[in-house]
Amino acid sequence: MTPTQHHYEAWCERDGRSWSVDIPELRIHTYGHTLVDAEEMARDAIAGVLDVPAGSVTVSLHVEEVEDQLAEARAARSARAQAAAREKEALAKAVAALRAAGASQRDAALLLGVSHLPDLGRRFGHRRLTARGPATATTDTGPGPRPHPSGSGRGREWTTWRVLTARVSTT
């Protein structure tokens, strides 16, 4: 049986050289020299008031003056994690479709802008590739700028990127 967890919100404010901490729900006030100290002091104070082990208490610290920026950073971090999961799924589908169409791993990596070829093999059960050296980003523009192959006249050079040199290893 797991012990009951107690979670409380604590509001912090800088007070000279230390942090003043209020836990309004329990009418507790404490302080700490750093936010780490403040969290520990708040957890110990809550545990003392509730007469429970300090390990069963969790505290979320809030700094009122910067709470909007902290919330925005947390939301951005969450969005990044969700986007990474969507990217991984989309890459898997694209690699499967490219392989079904007869593209090699190297071709799939080039089209998808992926520089880690060994990962494609492990993730999708194809031949294992091992990198010979560091990834290279070299351009091949020839004697001068060439128009974009789509003929769109976008004014950009058409650049061929060598993503990663790899060799097939047998295992």
Protein backbone atom coordinates (compact mmCIF):
# COMPACT_ATOMS: atom_id res chain seq x y z
CA MET A 1 0.00 0.00 0.00
CA THR A 2 1.40 3.42 -0.96
CA PRO A 3 1.31 6.27 1.52
CA THR A 4 -1.13 9.11 0.89
CA GLN A 5 0.40 12.01 -1.03
CA HIS A 6 -0.38 15.55 0.08
CA HIS A 7 0.08 18.30 -2.51
CA TYR A 8 0.01 22.01 -1.76
CA GLU A 9 0.63 25.24 -3.66
CA ALA A 10 3.17 27.66 -2.15
CA TRP A 11 3.60 31.29 -3.14
CA CYS A 12 7.11 32.76 -2.94
CA GLU A 13 8.33 36.32 -2.83
CA ARG A 14 11.86 37.64 -2.60
CA ASP A 15 12.45 39.24 0.80
CA GLY A 16 15.92 40.74 0.98
CA ARG A 17 18.41 37.88 0.71
CA SER A 18 15.88 35.06 1.20
CA TRP A 19 12.57 33.83 -0.14
CA SER A 20 9.39 34.27 1.86
CA VAL A 21 6.97 31.34 1.36
CA ASP A 22 3.22 31.27 2.07
CA ILE A 23 1.00 28.19 1.95
CA PRO A 24 -2.42 29.88 2.16
CA GLU A 25 -4.45 26.67 2.39
CA LEU A 26 -2.83 25.79 5.73
CA ARG A 27 -2.00 29.36 6.81
CA ILE A 28 1.71 28.53 6.96
CA HIS A 29 4.53 31.03 6.45
CA THR A 30 8.21 30.05 6.21
CA TYR A 31 11.33 31.09 4.34
CA GLY A 32 14.47 29.80 2.69
CA HIS A 33 17.69 31.31 1.39
CA THR A 34 17.18 29.70 -2.04
CA LEU A 35 14.07 28.35 -3.73
CA VAL A 36 15.36 24.83 -3.09
CA ASP A 37 15.59 25.67 0.64
CA ALA A 38 12.17 27.33 0.50
CA GLU A 39 10.57 24.22 -1.03
CA GLU A 40 12.19 21.99 1.59
CA MET A 41 11.12 24.29 4.44
CA ALA A 42 7.56 24.43 3.07
CA ARG A 43 7.41 20.63 2.77
CA ASP A 44 8.74 20.21 6.33
CA ALA A 45 6.29 22.80 7.71
CA ILE A 46 3.32 21.13 5.98
CA ALA A 47 4.42 17.71 7.22
CA GLY A 48 4.68 19.10 10.76
CA VAL A 49 1.20 20.66 10.68
CA LEU A 50 -0.41 17.55 9.16
CA ASP A 51 1.70 15.16 11.28
CA VAL A 52 2.74 13.10 8.24
CA PRO A 53 6.17 12.12 6.90
CA ALA A 54 7.83 14.88 4.85
CA GLY A 55 8.29 12.38 1.99
CA SER A 56 4.52 12.21 1.52
CA VAL A 57 4.25 15.97 0.89
CA THR A 58 4.76 17.65 -2.49
CA VAL A 59 4.85 21.39 -3.02
CA SER A 60 4.44 23.45 -6.19
CA LEU A 61 6.28 26.75 -5.88
CA HIS A 62 4.87 29.85 -7.56
CA VAL A 63 6.69 33.18 -7.85
CA GLU A 64 3.93 35.74 -8.28
CA GLU A 65 5.98 38.33 -10.20
CA VAL A 66 6.99 35.87 -12.92
CA GLU A 67 4.11 33.37 -12.89
CA ASP A 68 2.92 34.39 -16.39
CA GLN A 69 6.36 33.82 -17.89
CA LEU A 70 6.74 30.48 -16.06
CA ALA A 71 3.34 29.33 -17.32
CA GLU A 72 4.29 30.33 -20.87
CA ALA A 73 7.59 28.41 -20.62
CA ARG A 74 5.78 25.31 -19.28
CA ALA A 75 3.23 25.50 -22.11
CA ALA A 76 6.02 25.84 -24.69
CA ARG A 77 7.83 22.83 -23.23
CA SER A 78 4.63 20.78 -23.37
CA ALA A 79 3.97 21.88 -26.97
CA ARG A 80 7.53 20.93 -27.92
CA ALA A 81 7.08 17.43 -26.47
CA GLN A 82 3.79 16.98 -28.34
CA ALA A 83 5.34 18.22 -31.58
CA ALA A 84 8.26 15.82 -31.16
CA ALA A 85 5.84 12.91 -30.76
CA ARG A 86 3.92 13.98 -33.90
CA GLU A 87 7.21 14.35 -35.80
CA LYS A 88 8.34 10.86 -34.80
CA GLU A 89 5.04 9.38 -36.00
CA ALA A 90 5.12 11.34 -39.27
CA LEU A 91 8.74 10.30 -39.93
CA ALA A 92 7.86 6.65 -39.35
CA LYS A 93 5.00 6.84 -41.84
CA ALA A 94 7.11 8.71 -44.39
CA VAL A 95 10.00 6.23 -44.12
CA ALA A 96 7.61 3.31 -44.50
CA ALA A 97 6.04 4.91 -47.59
CA LEU A 98 9.42 5.75 -49.12
CA ARG A 99 10.77 2.24 -48.47
CA ALA A 100 7.59 0.74 -50.00
CA ALA A 101 8.17 2.96 -53.05
CA GLY A 102 11.67 1.49 -53.40
CA ALA A 103 13.75 4.32 -51.89
CA SER A 104 16.92 3.36 -50.06
CA GLN A 105 17.56 4.42 -46.48
CA ARG A 106 20.03 7.00 -47.66
CA ASP A 107 17.47 8.43 -50.12
CA ALA A 108 14.80 8.48 -47.41
CA ALA A 109 17.18 10.24 -45.02
CA LEU A 110 18.06 12.83 -47.67
CA LEU A 111 14.42 13.55 -48.52
CA LEU A 112 13.42 13.79 -44.86
CA GLY A 113 16.40 15.86 -43.80
CA VAL A 114 17.43 13.23 -41.27
CA SER A 115 21.13 13.04 -40.55
CA HIS A 116 21.13 9.99 -38.30
CA LEU A 117 20.96 7.07 -40.72
CA PRO A 118 21.66 4.29 -38.18
CA ASP A 119 18.52 5.29 -36.30
CA LEU A 120 16.34 4.71 -39.38
CA GLY A 121 17.58 1.14 -39.64
CA ARG A 122 16.98 0.33 -35.99
CA ARG A 123 13.58 1.98 -35.86
CA PHE A 124 12.19 0.44 -39.00
CA GLY A 125 13.95 -2.94 -39.20
CA HIS A 126 16.04 -2.32 -42.31
CA ARG A 127 19.73 -2.98 -42.94
CA ARG A 128 21.95 -1.63 -40.21
CA LEU A 129 24.08 1.33 -41.26
CA THR A 130 27.08 2.60 -39.36
CA ALA A 131 28.44 6.10 -39.75
CA ARG A 132 32.04 6.40 -40.98
CA GLY A 133 32.60 9.84 -39.57
CA PRO A 134 30.89 12.97 -38.37
CA ALA A 135 27.94 14.38 -40.25
CA THR A 136 28.96 16.69 -43.06
CA ALA A 137 27.07 19.63 -44.41
CA THR A 138 28.82 20.42 -47.68
CA THR A 139 27.30 22.24 -50.58
CA ASP A 140 27.67 21.41 -54.24
CA THR A 141 26.84 24.54 -56.16
CA GLY A 142 29.25 23.98 -59.02
CA PRO A 143 30.75 26.97 -60.85
CA GLY A 144 28.01 29.33 -59.73
CA PRO A 145 24.45 29.64 -58.48
CA ARG A 146 21.93 27.43 -60.23
CA PRO A 147 18.22 28.14 -60.40
CA HIS A 148 15.89 26.20 -58.14
CA PRO A 149 14.82 22.96 -59.91
CA SER A 150 11.15 23.89 -59.65
CA GLY A 151 11.81 26.86 -61.90
CA SER A 152 9.97 29.05 -59.43
CA GLY A 153 12.57 31.79 -59.71
CA ARG A 154 12.62 32.20 -55.97
CA GLY A 155 16.05 33.75 -56.23
CA ARG A 156 17.65 31.04 -54.09
CA GLU A 157 20.52 28.80 -55.01
CA TRP A 158 19.79 25.13 -55.40
CA THR A 159 22.04 23.40 -52.93
CA THR A 160 22.66 19.70 -52.59
CA TRP A 161 23.37 18.65 -49.02
CA ARG A 162 25.28 15.53 -48.20
CA VAL A 163 23.67 14.58 -44.93
CA LEU A 164 25.87 11.76 -43.68
CA THR A 165 28.36 9.39 -45.23
CA ALA A 166 27.57 5.84 -44.20
CA ARG A 167 28.62 2.30 -45.00
CA VAL A 168 26.71 -0.94 -44.64
CA SER A 169 28.02 -3.21 -41.92
CA THR A 170 27.08 -6.86 -41.71
CA THR A 171 26.06 -8.16 -38.31
